[in-house]
Amino acid sequence: MNCENVQKILDGYANGSLSAEQTKLVDEHLLICKECLLESIALKELSLTIKSIPKAYPSKTFKKKILGRYEAEIKKKKSLFGAVLLSLPPIFITIFYFLFMIFLHLMNFPDDVESMIFQF
């Protein structure tokens, strides 16, 4: 394996996520390449340092506050969305009605549609 290939998978080597075959190839390369060996040591130290940092968890009150705000936003969006949906159909019906009436007027349709049908 050359340095370029090793550098691409060195982070996986440092945290132990490589396959046995890949690990063996990297080990062999590290025996002959001082630069990659130093990089590997630095990455392993970094990985160990990161693993040693204690996990932080939010308090229960923080979770409640965030969830409360989230639920309030969802309710607000649902009510706004619902109001828009409820107001749209009458608007569409009204617009369609006026457009249809204008169409009839422009086409000079008679008021009595039956008389138009029987003319044919």
N, C-alpha and C. Protein backbone atom coordinates (compact mmCIF):
# COMPACT_ATOMS: atom_id res chain seq x y z
N MET A 1 0.84 -1.18 0.00
CA MET A 1 0.00 0.00 0.00
C MET A 1 0.88 1.24 0.00
N ASN A 2 0.45 2.28 -0.75
CA ASN A 2 1.24 3.51 -0.76
C ASN A 2 0.65 4.52 0.23
N CYS A 3 1.40 5.60 0.45
CA CYS A 3 1.00 6.61 1.44
C CYS A 3 -0.38 7.20 1.15
N GLU A 4 -0.65 7.46 -0.12
CA GLU A 4 -1.93 8.07 -0.48
C GLU A 4 -3.11 7.18 -0.07
N ASN A 5 -3.00 5.91 -0.36
CA ASN A 5 -4.07 4.97 0.02
C ASN A 5 -4.19 4.83 1.53
N VAL A 6 -3.06 4.79 2.21
CA VAL A 6 -3.07 4.66 3.67
C VAL A 6 -3.70 5.89 4.30
N GLN A 7 -3.35 7.08 3.80
CA GLN A 7 -3.90 8.32 4.35
C GLN A 7 -5.42 8.35 4.25
N LYS A 8 -5.96 7.77 3.20
CA LYS A 8 -7.41 7.77 3.01
C LYS A 8 -8.14 6.94 4.07
N ILE A 9 -7.49 5.90 4.58
CA ILE A 9 -8.17 5.01 5.54
C ILE A 9 -7.53 5.04 6.93
N LEU A 10 -6.64 5.98 7.14
CA LEU A 10 -5.92 6.04 8.42
C LEU A 10 -6.84 6.38 9.59
N ASP A 11 -7.86 7.16 9.36
CA ASP A 11 -8.78 7.47 10.46
C ASP A 11 -9.55 6.21 10.88
N GLY A 12 -9.92 5.38 9.92
CA GLY A 12 -10.56 4.11 10.25
C GLY A 12 -9.62 3.19 11.01
N TYR A 13 -8.35 3.25 10.66
CA TYR A 13 -7.33 2.45 11.36
C TYR A 13 -7.21 2.94 12.80
N ALA A 14 -7.22 4.25 12.98
CA ALA A 14 -7.04 4.82 14.32
C ALA A 14 -8.21 4.48 15.24
N ASN A 15 -9.41 4.42 14.70
CA ASN A 15 -10.56 4.12 15.59
C ASN A 15 -10.98 2.66 15.52
N GLY A 16 -10.22 1.83 14.80
CA GLY A 16 -10.46 0.39 14.80
C GLY A 16 -11.63 -0.09 13.96
N SER A 17 -11.98 0.68 12.95
CA SER A 17 -13.14 0.28 12.14
C SER A 17 -12.78 -0.39 10.82
N LEU A 18 -11.50 -0.66 10.60
CA LEU A 18 -11.09 -1.33 9.36
C LEU A 18 -11.24 -2.84 9.48
N SER A 19 -11.32 -3.47 8.32
CA SER A 19 -11.36 -4.94 8.30
C SER A 19 -9.97 -5.46 8.69
N ALA A 20 -9.91 -6.75 8.99
CA ALA A 20 -8.64 -7.36 9.39
C ALA A 20 -7.62 -7.26 8.26
N GLU A 21 -8.07 -7.45 7.04
CA GLU A 21 -7.16 -7.38 5.88
C GLU A 21 -6.62 -5.96 5.70
N GLN A 22 -7.50 -4.96 5.82
CA GLN A 22 -7.04 -3.58 5.67
C GLN A 22 -6.09 -3.20 6.80
N THR A 23 -6.41 -3.63 8.01
CA THR A 23 -5.54 -3.35 9.16
C THR A 23 -4.15 -3.94 8.95
N LYS A 24 -4.09 -5.15 8.43
CA LYS A 24 -2.79 -5.80 8.17
C LYS A 24 -1.99 -5.01 7.13
N LEU A 25 -2.67 -4.55 6.07
CA LEU A 25 -1.98 -3.77 5.04
C LEU A 25 -1.44 -2.45 5.59
N VAL A 26 -2.25 -1.79 6.43
CA VAL A 26 -1.79 -0.54 7.03
C VAL A 26 -0.63 -0.80 7.98
N ASP A 27 -0.72 -1.87 8.78
CA ASP A 27 0.38 -2.22 9.70
C ASP A 27 1.68 -2.43 8.93
N GLU A 28 1.60 -3.11 7.82
CA GLU A 28 2.80 -3.36 7.01
C GLU A 28 3.37 -2.05 6.47
N HIS A 29 2.50 -1.16 6.07
CA HIS A 29 2.97 0.13 5.53
C HIS A 29 3.59 0.97 6.64
N LEU A 30 2.99 0.94 7.82
CA LEU A 30 3.50 1.75 8.93
C LEU A 30 4.90 1.30 9.38
N LEU A 31 5.25 0.03 9.10
CA LEU A 31 6.59 -0.45 9.45
C LEU A 31 7.67 0.20 8.58
N ILE A 32 7.29 0.64 7.40
CA ILE A 32 8.31 1.21 6.49
C ILE A 32 8.14 2.72 6.27
N CYS A 33 7.05 3.32 6.77
CA CYS A 33 6.81 4.75 6.51
C CYS A 33 6.65 5.51 7.82
N LYS A 34 7.66 6.33 8.11
CA LYS A 34 7.66 7.07 9.36
C LYS A 34 6.58 8.15 9.39
N GLU A 35 6.33 8.82 8.27
CA GLU A 35 5.32 9.90 8.21
C GLU A 35 3.93 9.36 8.51
N CYS A 36 3.58 8.26 7.89
CA CYS A 36 2.26 7.67 8.13
C CYS A 36 2.15 7.14 9.55
N LEU A 37 3.27 6.63 10.09
CA LEU A 37 3.27 6.13 11.46
C LEU A 37 2.99 7.27 12.43
N LEU A 38 3.65 8.42 12.22
CA LEU A 38 3.42 9.57 13.09
C LEU A 38 1.98 10.06 12.98
N GLU A 39 1.45 10.08 11.77
CA GLU A 39 0.06 10.49 11.56
C GLU A 39 -0.89 9.52 12.25
N SER A 40 -0.58 8.24 12.18
CA SER A 40 -1.39 7.21 12.82
C SER A 40 -1.41 7.39 14.34
N ILE A 41 -0.24 7.67 14.90
CA ILE A 41 -0.15 7.87 16.36
C ILE A 41 -0.97 9.09 16.77
N ALA A 42 -0.86 10.17 16.01
CA ALA A 42 -1.62 11.39 16.32
C ALA A 42 -3.12 11.13 16.24
N LEU A 43 -3.54 10.40 15.22
CA LEU A 43 -4.97 10.09 15.08
C LEU A 43 -5.47 9.19 16.20
N LYS A 44 -4.65 8.21 16.63
CA LYS A 44 -5.05 7.34 17.73
C LYS A 44 -5.18 8.13 19.02
N GLU A 45 -4.24 9.04 19.26
CA GLU A 45 -4.32 9.88 20.46
C GLU A 45 -5.57 10.76 20.42
N LEU A 46 -5.85 11.31 19.27
CA LEU A 46 -7.04 12.14 19.11
C LEU A 46 -8.30 11.31 19.35
N SER A 47 -8.34 10.12 18.80
CA SER A 47 -9.49 9.24 18.97
C SER A 47 -9.70 8.89 20.45
N LEU A 48 -8.60 8.60 21.15
CA LEU A 48 -8.70 8.29 22.59
C LEU A 48 -9.16 9.51 23.39
N THR A 49 -8.67 10.67 23.02
CA THR A 49 -9.07 11.90 23.71
C THR A 49 -10.56 12.16 23.52
N ILE A 50 -11.03 11.99 22.31
CA ILE A 50 -12.45 12.21 22.03
C ILE A 50 -13.30 11.21 22.80
N LYS A 51 -12.87 9.95 22.85
CA LYS A 51 -13.62 8.93 23.58
C LYS A 51 -13.64 9.19 25.08
N SER A 52 -12.62 9.88 25.60
CA SER A 52 -12.55 10.13 27.04
C SER A 52 -13.40 11.31 27.49
N ILE A 53 -13.89 12.10 26.55
CA ILE A 53 -14.73 13.24 26.92
C ILE A 53 -16.08 12.71 27.38
N PRO A 54 -16.52 13.13 28.57
CA PRO A 54 -17.81 12.64 29.07
C PRO A 54 -18.95 13.17 28.20
N LYS A 55 -19.96 12.34 28.04
CA LYS A 55 -21.12 12.74 27.25
C LYS A 55 -21.94 13.75 28.04
N ALA A 56 -22.44 14.72 27.36
CA ALA A 56 -23.29 15.74 27.98
C ALA A 56 -24.73 15.49 27.57
N TYR A 57 -25.62 15.56 28.52
CA TYR A 57 -27.04 15.35 28.26
C TYR A 57 -27.81 16.59 28.72
N PRO A 58 -28.81 16.98 27.97
CA PRO A 58 -29.60 18.15 28.39
C PRO A 58 -30.45 17.80 29.61
N SER A 59 -30.74 18.81 30.39
CA SER A 59 -31.58 18.57 31.57
C SER A 59 -33.02 18.27 31.14
N LYS A 60 -33.80 17.71 32.05
CA LYS A 60 -35.19 17.38 31.73
C LYS A 60 -36.00 18.65 31.46
N THR A 61 -35.69 19.72 32.15
CA THR A 61 -36.44 20.97 31.91
C THR A 61 -36.11 21.54 30.53
N PHE A 62 -34.89 21.37 30.10
CA PHE A 62 -34.51 21.83 28.77
C PHE A 62 -35.31 21.08 27.71
N LYS A 63 -35.40 19.76 27.87
CA LYS A 63 -36.17 18.96 26.93
C LYS A 63 -37.63 19.41 26.90
N LYS A 64 -38.21 19.65 28.09
CA LYS A 64 -39.61 20.08 28.16
C LYS A 64 -39.81 21.43 27.46
N LYS A 65 -38.87 22.34 27.67
CA LYS A 65 -38.98 23.66 27.04
C LYS A 65 -38.92 23.55 25.52
N ILE A 66 -37.97 22.78 25.03
CA ILE A 66 -37.82 22.62 23.58
C ILE A 66 -39.05 21.94 22.99
N LEU A 67 -39.50 20.87 23.63
CA LEU A 67 -40.68 20.17 23.13
C LEU A 67 -41.92 21.06 23.18
N GLY A 68 -42.03 21.86 24.22
CA GLY A 68 -43.16 22.79 24.32
C GLY A 68 -43.16 23.80 23.19
N ARG A 69 -42.00 24.36 22.92
CA ARG A 69 -41.89 25.32 21.82
C ARG A 69 -42.19 24.65 20.48
N TYR A 70 -41.69 23.44 20.32
CA TYR A 70 -41.92 22.71 19.07
C TYR A 70 -43.42 22.44 18.87
N GLU A 71 -44.07 21.97 19.91
CA GLU A 71 -45.50 21.68 19.81
C GLU A 71 -46.29 22.95 19.54
N ALA A 72 -45.91 24.07 20.16
CA ALA A 72 -46.60 25.34 19.90
C ALA A 72 -46.45 25.76 18.44
N GLU A 73 -45.25 25.58 17.89
CA GLU A 73 -45.02 25.93 16.48
C GLU A 73 -45.84 25.04 15.56
N ILE A 74 -45.91 23.76 15.88
CA ILE A 74 -46.69 22.83 15.06
C ILE A 74 -48.17 23.22 15.09
N LYS A 75 -48.70 23.54 16.27
CA LYS A 75 -50.10 23.94 16.37
C LYS A 75 -50.36 25.22 15.59
N LYS A 76 -49.42 26.17 15.67
CA LYS A 76 -49.57 27.42 14.95
C LYS A 76 -49.59 27.17 13.45
N LYS A 77 -48.68 26.32 12.97
CA LYS A 77 -48.63 26.02 11.54
C LYS A 77 -49.88 25.27 11.09
N LYS A 78 -50.35 24.33 11.92
CA LYS A 78 -51.55 23.58 11.55
C LYS A 78 -52.75 24.51 11.48
N SER A 79 -52.88 25.42 12.45
CA SER A 79 -54.03 26.31 12.44
C SER A 79 -53.96 27.28 11.27
N LEU A 80 -52.78 27.76 10.94
CA LEU A 80 -52.62 28.66 9.79
C LEU A 80 -52.90 27.90 8.50
N PHE A 81 -52.38 26.69 8.39
CA PHE A 81 -52.59 25.88 7.20
C PHE A 81 -54.07 25.55 7.04
N GLY A 82 -54.71 25.18 8.14
CA GLY A 82 -56.14 24.86 8.10
C GLY A 82 -56.97 26.06 7.69
N ALA A 83 -56.62 27.24 8.22
CA ALA A 83 -57.36 28.45 7.86
C ALA A 83 -57.22 28.75 6.38
N VAL A 84 -56.04 28.57 5.85
CA VAL A 84 -55.82 28.82 4.42
C VAL A 84 -56.61 27.82 3.59
N LEU A 85 -56.58 26.55 3.99
CA LEU A 85 -57.32 25.54 3.23
C LEU A 85 -58.82 25.79 3.27
N LEU A 86 -59.33 26.20 4.41
CA LEU A 86 -60.76 26.44 4.51
C LEU A 86 -61.19 27.67 3.71
N SER A 87 -60.30 28.63 3.57
CA SER A 87 -60.67 29.85 2.85
C SER A 87 -60.48 29.72 1.35
N LEU A 88 -59.68 28.78 0.89
CA LEU A 88 -59.42 28.65 -0.54
C LEU A 88 -60.61 28.15 -1.35
N PRO A 89 -61.33 27.11 -0.96
CA PRO A 89 -62.40 26.63 -1.81
C PRO A 89 -63.46 27.68 -2.15
N PRO A 90 -63.96 28.47 -1.21
CA PRO A 90 -64.94 29.50 -1.60
C PRO A 90 -64.35 30.51 -2.59
N ILE A 91 -63.10 30.83 -2.42
CA ILE A 91 -62.46 31.77 -3.34
C ILE A 91 -62.40 31.17 -4.74
N PHE A 92 -62.01 29.91 -4.83
CA PHE A 92 -61.93 29.25 -6.13
C PHE A 92 -63.31 29.13 -6.78
N ILE A 93 -64.29 28.81 -5.98
CA ILE A 93 -65.65 28.69 -6.51
C ILE A 93 -66.12 30.03 -7.04
N THR A 94 -65.86 31.08 -6.29
CA THR A 94 -66.27 32.42 -6.71
C THR A 94 -65.55 32.83 -7.99
N ILE A 95 -64.26 32.60 -8.05
CA ILE A 95 -63.50 32.95 -9.26
C ILE A 95 -63.99 32.15 -10.45
N PHE A 96 -64.20 30.86 -10.26
CA PHE A 96 -64.69 30.02 -11.35
C PHE A 96 -66.05 30.50 -11.83
N TYR A 97 -66.93 30.84 -10.91
CA TYR A 97 -68.26 31.32 -11.27
C TYR A 97 -68.18 32.57 -12.13
N PHE A 98 -67.38 33.55 -11.69
CA PHE A 98 -67.26 34.79 -12.46
C PHE A 98 -66.61 34.56 -13.81
N LEU A 99 -65.61 33.72 -13.87
CA LEU A 99 -64.98 33.43 -15.15
C LEU A 99 -65.94 32.72 -16.10
N PHE A 100 -66.74 31.82 -15.56
CA PHE A 100 -67.72 31.11 -16.37
C PHE A 100 -68.79 32.07 -16.89
N MET A 101 -69.21 32.99 -16.04
CA MET A 101 -70.21 33.97 -16.46
C MET A 101 -69.64 34.89 -17.55
N ILE A 102 -68.40 35.28 -17.41
CA ILE A 102 -67.76 36.12 -18.43
C ILE A 102 -67.65 35.33 -19.73
N PHE A 103 -67.30 34.06 -19.64
CA PHE A 103 -67.20 33.22 -20.82
C PHE A 103 -68.56 33.12 -21.52
N LEU A 104 -69.60 32.88 -20.76
CA LEU A 104 -70.94 32.81 -21.36
C LEU A 104 -71.33 34.12 -22.02
N HIS A 105 -71.01 35.20 -21.36
CA HIS A 105 -71.35 36.51 -21.92
C HIS A 105 -70.58 36.77 -23.22
N LEU A 106 -69.30 36.43 -23.22
CA LEU A 106 -68.49 36.66 -24.42
C LEU A 106 -68.91 35.75 -25.57
N MET A 107 -69.37 34.58 -25.26
CA MET A 107 -69.78 33.64 -26.30
C MET A 107 -71.22 33.87 -26.76
N ASN A 108 -71.91 34.82 -26.12
CA ASN A 108 -73.29 35.15 -26.44
C ASN A 108 -74.22 33.95 -26.36
N PHE A 109 -74.03 33.15 -25.31
CA PHE A 109 -74.93 32.03 -25.10
C PHE A 109 -76.29 32.57 -24.69
N PRO A 110 -77.33 31.93 -25.16
CA PRO A 110 -78.67 32.37 -24.73
C PRO A 110 -78.89 32.01 -23.28
N ASP A 111 -79.80 32.72 -22.67
CA ASP A 111 -80.09 32.45 -21.26
C ASP A 111 -80.69 31.07 -21.09
N ASP A 112 -81.42 30.64 -22.09
CA ASP A 112 -82.06 29.33 -22.03
C ASP A 112 -81.20 28.32 -22.78
N VAL A 113 -80.50 27.47 -22.06
CA VAL A 113 -79.58 26.52 -22.68
C VAL A 113 -80.36 25.48 -23.49
N GLU A 114 -81.59 25.14 -23.08
CA GLU A 114 -82.37 24.15 -23.81
C GLU A 114 -82.64 24.59 -25.23
N SER A 115 -82.91 25.85 -25.42
CA SER A 115 -83.18 26.32 -26.78
C SER A 115 -81.95 26.18 -27.66
N MET A 116 -80.78 26.32 -27.06
CA MET A 116 -79.55 26.16 -27.81
C MET A 116 -79.36 24.69 -28.21
N ILE A 117 -79.71 23.78 -27.33
CA ILE A 117 -79.54 22.36 -27.61
C ILE A 117 -80.46 21.92 -28.72
N PHE A 118 -81.67 22.39 -28.73
CA PHE A 118 -82.65 21.93 -29.72
C PHE A 118 -82.48 22.62 -31.08
N GLN A 119 -81.60 23.60 -31.20
CA GLN A 119 -81.39 24.25 -32.48
C GLN A 119 -80.68 23.31 -33.43
N PHE A 120 -79.89 22.40 -32.94
CA PHE A 120 -79.15 21.49 -33.80
C PHE A 120 -80.09 20.48 -34.33
